[in-house]
Amino acid sequence: MNNLTKIKILKPAYEVFEAFVNPSKIGNFWFSSSSERWEQGKTVTLRYDEYDAQGDIEIIEVEINKKIVFQWGEGHIVTITLNEVDNSSTITEVNEEGFKENDEELISQLIDNKEGWVYMLTCLKGYLEYGVNLRAALVK
């Protein structure tokens, strides 16, 4: 079972890619910090200072300016795909797999997951297109 979320960002794929993999940029739209550059085979620690939380992700695959695949949580695989439309826009897709179809909480999990990815992608768009930091403002 998977959950797919997409957004168009008015920036070239290399800028979108760098926002994810560069530890000095990720804090402008997603996590507070990343322990190192995202590269295939690495384990990266991501931190949310606002929630005093952190977790590790395993970078499974990186195709420069095109795709990032990582694993987190209980066997969830996330694939971020960058489809450059032209030199000034990129369709950014996030596909998370690993949801259990028989789980009683499946619908709730999928809704929460979709909300999180839509929010992260909106923050990414705000950061890259307008230079604003919207992260850590979502209230549940």
N, C-alpha and C. Protein backbone atom coordinates (compact mmCIF):
# COMPACT_ATOMS: atom_id res chain seq x y z
N MET A 1 0.86 -1.17 0.00
CA MET A 1 0.00 0.00 0.00
C MET A 1 0.90 1.23 0.00
N ASN A 2 0.59 2.20 -0.85
CA ASN A 2 1.41 3.39 -0.93
C ASN A 2 0.56 4.67 -0.90
N ASN A 3 1.25 5.78 -0.74
CA ASN A 3 0.62 7.10 -0.69
C ASN A 3 1.46 8.02 -1.56
N LEU A 4 0.87 8.60 -2.61
CA LEU A 4 1.59 9.44 -3.56
C LEU A 4 1.14 10.89 -3.44
N THR A 5 2.11 11.80 -3.38
CA THR A 5 1.84 13.24 -3.28
C THR A 5 2.73 13.95 -4.28
N LYS A 6 2.18 14.96 -5.00
CA LYS A 6 2.94 15.68 -6.03
C LYS A 6 2.71 17.18 -5.91
N ILE A 7 3.73 17.94 -6.34
CA ILE A 7 3.60 19.39 -6.42
C ILE A 7 4.54 19.90 -7.51
N LYS A 8 4.15 20.98 -8.16
CA LYS A 8 5.00 21.63 -9.16
C LYS A 8 5.75 22.77 -8.48
N ILE A 9 7.07 22.75 -8.63
CA ILE A 9 7.92 23.79 -8.05
C ILE A 9 8.60 24.53 -9.19
N LEU A 10 8.51 25.83 -9.17
CA LEU A 10 9.05 26.64 -10.25
C LEU A 10 10.55 26.88 -10.07
N LYS A 11 11.27 25.79 -10.08
CA LYS A 11 12.73 25.79 -9.99
C LYS A 11 13.24 24.57 -10.76
N PRO A 12 14.47 24.62 -11.28
CA PRO A 12 15.03 23.45 -11.97
C PRO A 12 15.29 22.30 -10.99
N ALA A 13 15.36 21.09 -11.52
CA ALA A 13 15.50 19.89 -10.70
C ALA A 13 16.75 19.94 -9.81
N TYR A 14 17.85 20.49 -10.30
CA TYR A 14 19.07 20.50 -9.48
C TYR A 14 18.89 21.33 -8.21
N GLU A 15 18.09 22.40 -8.25
CA GLU A 15 17.85 23.19 -7.05
C GLU A 15 16.96 22.45 -6.06
N VAL A 16 15.96 21.74 -6.57
CA VAL A 16 15.08 20.96 -5.70
C VAL A 16 15.87 19.83 -5.06
N PHE A 17 16.68 19.14 -5.85
CA PHE A 17 17.51 18.05 -5.36
C PHE A 17 18.43 18.53 -4.23
N GLU A 18 19.11 19.64 -4.44
CA GLU A 18 20.04 20.17 -3.44
C GLU A 18 19.33 20.54 -2.15
N ALA A 19 18.09 20.99 -2.24
CA ALA A 19 17.34 21.34 -1.03
C ALA A 19 17.18 20.12 -0.12
N PHE A 20 16.98 18.94 -0.71
CA PHE A 20 16.84 17.71 0.06
C PHE A 20 18.17 17.21 0.60
N VAL A 21 19.17 17.12 -0.23
CA VAL A 21 20.40 16.40 0.13
C VAL A 21 21.43 17.25 0.87
N ASN A 22 21.33 18.56 0.79
CA ASN A 22 22.30 19.45 1.40
C ASN A 22 21.89 19.78 2.83
N PRO A 23 22.68 19.39 3.83
CA PRO A 23 22.29 19.63 5.23
C PRO A 23 22.09 21.10 5.59
N SER A 24 22.71 22.01 4.85
CA SER A 24 22.53 23.43 5.16
C SER A 24 21.22 23.98 4.60
N LYS A 25 20.52 23.21 3.79
CA LYS A 25 19.27 23.70 3.18
C LYS A 25 18.01 23.05 3.76
N ILE A 26 18.11 21.81 4.22
CA ILE A 26 16.91 21.08 4.63
C ILE A 26 16.17 21.77 5.78
N GLY A 27 16.90 22.47 6.64
CA GLY A 27 16.29 23.16 7.77
C GLY A 27 15.42 24.35 7.37
N ASN A 28 15.45 24.72 6.11
CA ASN A 28 14.63 25.82 5.62
C ASN A 28 13.22 25.39 5.21
N PHE A 29 12.97 24.07 5.18
CA PHE A 29 11.64 23.64 4.75
C PHE A 29 11.14 22.35 5.40
N TRP A 30 12.03 21.53 6.00
CA TRP A 30 11.56 20.22 6.49
C TRP A 30 12.03 19.97 7.90
N PHE A 31 13.14 19.27 8.09
CA PHE A 31 13.67 18.99 9.41
C PHE A 31 14.53 20.16 9.88
N SER A 32 14.74 20.26 11.19
CA SER A 32 15.63 21.30 11.72
C SER A 32 17.05 21.09 11.21
N SER A 33 17.47 19.82 11.15
CA SER A 33 18.83 19.55 10.70
C SER A 33 18.95 18.13 10.16
N SER A 34 20.01 17.96 9.39
CA SER A 34 20.39 16.67 8.81
C SER A 34 21.86 16.47 9.14
N SER A 35 22.22 15.28 9.61
CA SER A 35 23.58 15.05 10.10
C SER A 35 24.64 15.13 9.00
N GLU A 36 24.25 14.86 7.76
CA GLU A 36 25.22 14.90 6.67
C GLU A 36 24.49 14.91 5.33
N ARG A 37 25.25 15.06 4.27
CA ARG A 37 24.70 15.05 2.92
C ARG A 37 24.12 13.67 2.62
N TRP A 38 22.97 13.66 1.95
CA TRP A 38 22.30 12.42 1.61
C TRP A 38 23.01 11.78 0.42
N GLU A 39 23.60 10.62 0.66
CA GLU A 39 24.27 9.86 -0.39
C GLU A 39 23.93 8.39 -0.22
N GLN A 40 23.86 7.69 -1.33
CA GLN A 40 23.51 6.27 -1.32
C GLN A 40 24.38 5.50 -0.34
N GLY A 41 23.73 4.65 0.48
CA GLY A 41 24.43 3.81 1.43
C GLY A 41 24.64 4.44 2.80
N LYS A 42 24.38 5.72 2.94
CA LYS A 42 24.58 6.40 4.23
C LYS A 42 23.34 6.27 5.11
N THR A 43 23.58 6.35 6.41
CA THR A 43 22.51 6.51 7.38
C THR A 43 22.60 7.94 7.89
N VAL A 44 21.51 8.66 7.75
CA VAL A 44 21.47 10.09 8.08
C VAL A 44 20.52 10.28 9.26
N THR A 45 20.94 11.10 10.22
CA THR A 45 20.10 11.43 11.36
C THR A 45 19.41 12.76 11.08
N LEU A 46 18.08 12.74 11.17
CA LEU A 46 17.27 13.94 10.97
C LEU A 46 16.73 14.37 12.32
N ARG A 47 16.73 15.66 12.57
CA ARG A 47 16.32 16.18 13.86
C ARG A 47 15.23 17.23 13.70
N TYR A 48 14.22 17.17 14.60
CA TYR A 48 13.18 18.18 14.75
C TYR A 48 13.40 18.82 16.11
N ASP A 49 14.05 19.96 16.16
CA ASP A 49 14.29 20.62 17.44
C ASP A 49 12.99 21.01 18.14
N GLU A 50 12.00 21.43 17.36
CA GLU A 50 10.73 21.89 17.93
C GLU A 50 10.02 20.82 18.73
N TYR A 51 10.23 19.58 18.38
CA TYR A 51 9.55 18.47 19.04
C TYR A 51 10.51 17.61 19.85
N ASP A 52 11.76 18.06 19.96
CA ASP A 52 12.81 17.31 20.64
C ASP A 52 12.81 15.85 20.17
N ALA A 53 12.81 15.69 18.85
CA ALA A 53 12.74 14.35 18.26
C ALA A 53 13.79 14.21 17.17
N GLN A 54 14.23 12.99 16.98
CA GLN A 54 15.13 12.69 15.88
C GLN A 54 14.96 11.25 15.46
N GLY A 55 15.40 10.96 14.24
CA GLY A 55 15.32 9.61 13.72
C GLY A 55 16.34 9.43 12.60
N ASP A 56 16.63 8.19 12.33
CA ASP A 56 17.58 7.86 11.28
C ASP A 56 16.85 7.38 10.04
N ILE A 57 17.42 7.73 8.89
CA ILE A 57 16.95 7.20 7.62
C ILE A 57 18.13 6.53 6.93
N GLU A 58 17.84 5.50 6.18
CA GLU A 58 18.87 4.82 5.40
C GLU A 58 18.66 5.21 3.94
N ILE A 59 19.68 5.82 3.35
CA ILE A 59 19.58 6.24 1.95
C ILE A 59 19.86 5.02 1.07
N ILE A 60 18.85 4.58 0.36
CA ILE A 60 18.92 3.36 -0.45
C ILE A 60 19.44 3.65 -1.86
N GLU A 61 18.98 4.75 -2.43
CA GLU A 61 19.35 5.06 -3.82
C GLU A 61 19.33 6.56 -4.03
N VAL A 62 20.29 7.05 -4.80
CA VAL A 62 20.33 8.45 -5.20
C VAL A 62 20.69 8.50 -6.68
N GLU A 63 19.84 9.15 -7.43
CA GLU A 63 20.13 9.46 -8.83
C GLU A 63 20.13 10.98 -8.90
N ILE A 64 21.30 11.56 -9.08
CA ILE A 64 21.48 13.01 -8.97
C ILE A 64 20.47 13.76 -9.83
N ASN A 65 19.79 14.71 -9.16
CA ASN A 65 18.78 15.60 -9.77
C ASN A 65 17.54 14.88 -10.28
N LYS A 66 17.39 13.58 -9.95
CA LYS A 66 16.23 12.82 -10.44
C LYS A 66 15.48 12.04 -9.37
N LYS A 67 16.22 11.39 -8.44
CA LYS A 67 15.53 10.50 -7.51
C LYS A 67 16.33 10.29 -6.23
N ILE A 68 15.58 10.18 -5.12
CA ILE A 68 16.14 9.84 -3.81
C ILE A 68 15.21 8.78 -3.21
N VAL A 69 15.77 7.68 -2.75
CA VAL A 69 14.98 6.63 -2.10
C VAL A 69 15.58 6.39 -0.72
N PHE A 70 14.72 6.42 0.31
CA PHE A 70 15.21 6.13 1.65
C PHE A 70 14.19 5.30 2.42
N GLN A 71 14.67 4.68 3.50
CA GLN A 71 13.81 3.88 4.37
C GLN A 71 13.79 4.54 5.74
N TRP A 72 12.59 4.57 6.32
CA TRP A 72 12.45 5.06 7.69
C TRP A 72 11.30 4.36 8.37
N GLY A 73 11.19 4.56 9.66
CA GLY A 73 10.10 3.95 10.41
C GLY A 73 10.12 2.43 10.32
N GLU A 74 8.97 1.85 10.38
CA GLU A 74 8.84 0.40 10.37
C GLU A 74 8.73 -0.11 8.94
N GLY A 75 9.85 -0.08 8.22
CA GLY A 75 9.89 -0.62 6.87
C GLY A 75 9.25 0.24 5.81
N HIS A 76 9.07 1.50 6.07
CA HIS A 76 8.50 2.38 5.06
C HIS A 76 9.60 2.85 4.11
N ILE A 77 9.33 2.77 2.82
CA ILE A 77 10.24 3.23 1.78
C ILE A 77 9.64 4.48 1.16
N VAL A 78 10.45 5.54 1.09
CA VAL A 78 10.02 6.80 0.50
C VAL A 78 10.85 7.05 -0.76
N THR A 79 10.16 7.31 -1.86
CA THR A 79 10.82 7.65 -3.11
C THR A 79 10.44 9.07 -3.49
N ILE A 80 11.45 9.92 -3.59
CA ILE A 80 11.25 11.30 -4.04
C ILE A 80 11.75 11.34 -5.49
N THR A 81 10.85 11.66 -6.40
CA THR A 81 11.19 11.70 -7.81
C THR A 81 11.06 13.13 -8.32
N LEU A 82 12.07 13.59 -9.05
CA LEU A 82 12.08 14.94 -9.60
C LEU A 82 11.95 14.84 -11.12
N ASN A 83 10.84 15.31 -11.64
CA ASN A 83 10.58 15.29 -13.07
C ASN A 83 10.65 16.71 -13.60
N GLU A 84 11.80 17.06 -14.18
CA GLU A 84 11.98 18.42 -14.68
C GLU A 84 11.12 18.63 -15.92
N VAL A 85 10.23 19.62 -15.85
CA VAL A 85 9.32 19.93 -16.95
C VAL A 85 10.07 20.75 -18.00
N ASP A 86 10.82 21.72 -17.53
CA ASP A 86 11.68 22.54 -18.37
C ASP A 86 12.77 23.09 -17.46
N ASN A 87 13.57 24.01 -17.92
CA ASN A 87 14.69 24.53 -17.12
C ASN A 87 14.24 25.34 -15.91
N SER A 88 12.94 25.59 -15.79
CA SER A 88 12.49 26.43 -14.68
C SER A 88 11.38 25.82 -13.84
N SER A 89 11.05 24.54 -14.05
CA SER A 89 10.01 23.93 -13.21
C SER A 89 10.21 22.42 -13.11
N THR A 90 9.83 21.90 -11.95
CA THR A 90 10.01 20.48 -11.64
C THR A 90 8.78 19.95 -10.92
N ILE A 91 8.27 18.83 -11.39
CA ILE A 91 7.21 18.12 -10.66
C ILE A 91 7.92 17.25 -9.63
N THR A 92 7.64 17.50 -8.36
CA THR A 92 8.26 16.75 -7.27
C THR A 92 7.22 15.77 -6.72
N GLU A 93 7.56 14.49 -6.77
CA GLU A 93 6.66 13.43 -6.29
C GLU A 93 7.26 12.76 -5.07
N VAL A 94 6.42 12.52 -4.08
CA VAL A 94 6.82 11.73 -2.92
C VAL A 94 5.88 10.53 -2.85
N ASN A 95 6.45 9.34 -2.89
CA ASN A 95 5.66 8.11 -2.81
C ASN A 95 6.16 7.31 -1.61
N GLU A 96 5.30 7.13 -0.63
CA GLU A 96 5.67 6.35 0.56
C GLU A 96 4.95 5.01 0.51
N GLU A 97 5.72 3.94 0.65
CA GLU A 97 5.19 2.58 0.64
C GLU A 97 5.43 1.93 2.00
N GLY A 98 4.65 0.90 2.29
CA GLY A 98 4.87 0.14 3.52
C GLY A 98 3.68 0.13 4.45
N PHE A 99 2.58 0.72 4.03
CA PHE A 99 1.38 0.70 4.87
C PHE A 99 0.74 -0.68 4.77
N LYS A 100 0.25 -1.16 5.90
CA LYS A 100 -0.36 -2.49 5.96
C LYS A 100 -1.86 -2.38 5.70
N GLU A 101 -2.31 -3.04 4.64
CA GLU A 101 -3.70 -2.95 4.22
C GLU A 101 -4.69 -3.46 5.27
N ASN A 102 -4.25 -4.36 6.14
CA ASN A 102 -5.15 -4.94 7.15
C ASN A 102 -5.14 -4.18 8.46
N ASP A 103 -4.34 -3.14 8.56
CA ASP A 103 -4.25 -2.36 9.80
C ASP A 103 -5.56 -1.60 10.03
N GLU A 104 -6.10 -1.71 11.24
CA GLU A 104 -7.35 -1.02 11.58
C GLU A 104 -7.22 0.49 11.46
N GLU A 105 -6.01 1.00 11.59
CA GLU A 105 -5.76 2.44 11.54
C GLU A 105 -5.29 2.92 10.16
N LEU A 106 -5.43 2.09 9.13
CA LEU A 106 -4.88 2.40 7.81
C LEU A 106 -5.37 3.75 7.28
N ILE A 107 -6.65 3.99 7.30
CA ILE A 107 -7.18 5.25 6.73
C ILE A 107 -6.61 6.44 7.48
N SER A 108 -6.59 6.38 8.78
CA SER A 108 -6.03 7.47 9.59
C SER A 108 -4.55 7.67 9.27
N GLN A 109 -3.81 6.57 9.14
CA GLN A 109 -2.38 6.66 8.82
C GLN A 109 -2.16 7.30 7.45
N LEU A 110 -2.95 6.90 6.47
CA LEU A 110 -2.81 7.46 5.12
C LEU A 110 -3.15 8.94 5.10
N ILE A 111 -4.18 9.34 5.82
CA ILE A 111 -4.55 10.76 5.87
C ILE A 111 -3.46 11.57 6.55
N ASP A 112 -2.97 11.12 7.70
CA ASP A 112 -1.89 11.83 8.40
C ASP A 112 -0.63 11.90 7.54
N ASN A 113 -0.32 10.81 6.86
CA ASN A 113 0.85 10.76 6.01
C ASN A 113 0.72 11.74 4.85
N LYS A 114 -0.43 11.75 4.20
CA LYS A 114 -0.68 12.67 3.08
C LYS A 114 -0.57 14.11 3.56
N GLU A 115 -1.16 14.40 4.71
CA GLU A 115 -1.09 15.75 5.27
C GLU A 115 0.36 16.17 5.47
N GLY A 116 1.18 15.27 6.00
CA GLY A 116 2.58 15.58 6.24
C GLY A 116 3.34 15.86 4.96
N TRP A 117 3.12 15.02 3.93
CA TRP A 117 3.83 15.24 2.67
C TRP A 117 3.36 16.49 1.96
N VAL A 118 2.06 16.77 1.97
CA VAL A 118 1.56 18.00 1.36
C VAL A 118 2.17 19.21 2.06
N TYR A 119 2.23 19.16 3.37
CA TYR A 119 2.81 20.27 4.13
C TYR A 119 4.29 20.44 3.82
N MET A 120 5.06 19.34 3.82
CA MET A 120 6.48 19.44 3.53
C MET A 120 6.71 20.01 2.13
N LEU A 121 5.96 19.51 1.15
CA LEU A 121 6.13 20.01 -0.22
C LEU A 121 5.73 21.47 -0.35
N THR A 122 4.72 21.89 0.38
CA THR A 122 4.32 23.30 0.39
C THR A 122 5.43 24.16 1.00
N CYS A 123 6.04 23.68 2.07
CA CYS A 123 7.17 24.39 2.68
C CYS A 123 8.35 24.46 1.72
N LEU A 124 8.61 23.37 0.99
CA LEU A 124 9.68 23.34 0.00
C LEU A 124 9.41 24.38 -1.09
N LYS A 125 8.19 24.43 -1.57
CA LYS A 125 7.81 25.40 -2.61
C LYS A 125 8.00 26.83 -2.09
N GLY A 126 7.54 27.10 -0.88
CA GLY A 126 7.69 28.43 -0.29
C GLY A 126 9.15 28.83 -0.16
N TYR A 127 9.98 27.89 0.28
CA TYR A 127 11.41 28.15 0.45
C TYR A 127 12.10 28.41 -0.89
N LEU A 128 11.90 27.51 -1.85
CA LEU A 128 12.61 27.63 -3.12
C LEU A 128 12.10 28.77 -4.00
N GLU A 129 10.79 28.97 -4.03
CA GLU A 129 10.24 29.99 -4.93
C GLU A 129 10.21 31.39 -4.32
N TYR A 130 10.02 31.48 -3.00
CA TYR A 130 9.82 32.79 -2.38
C TYR A 130 10.79 33.12 -1.26
N GLY A 131 11.64 32.15 -0.90
CA GLY A 131 12.63 32.40 0.14
C GLY A 131 12.04 32.50 1.54
N VAL A 132 10.86 31.93 1.75
CA VAL A 132 10.24 31.98 3.07
C VAL A 132 10.35 30.62 3.76
N ASN A 133 10.40 30.65 5.07
CA ASN A 133 10.49 29.44 5.87
C ASN A 133 9.15 29.22 6.56
N LEU A 134 8.41 28.22 6.11
CA LEU A 134 7.09 27.90 6.66
C LEU A 134 7.11 26.70 7.60
N ARG A 135 8.25 26.03 7.72
CA ARG A 135 8.32 24.77 8.46
C ARG A 135 7.98 24.95 9.94
N ALA A 136 7.55 23.88 10.54
CA ALA A 136 7.23 23.81 11.97
C ALA A 136 6.08 24.72 12.36
N ALA A 137 5.19 25.03 11.43
CA ALA A 137 4.04 25.86 11.75
C ALA A 137 2.73 25.08 11.76
N LEU A 138 2.77 23.83 11.33
CA LEU A 138 1.57 23.00 11.28
C LEU A 138 1.16 22.65 12.71
N VAL A 139 -0.11 22.86 13.01
CA VAL A 139 -0.63 22.58 14.34
C VAL A 139 -1.72 21.54 14.20
N LYS A 140 -1.65 20.51 15.04
CA LYS A 140 -2.67 19.45 15.01
C LYS A 140 -3.55 19.53 16.22
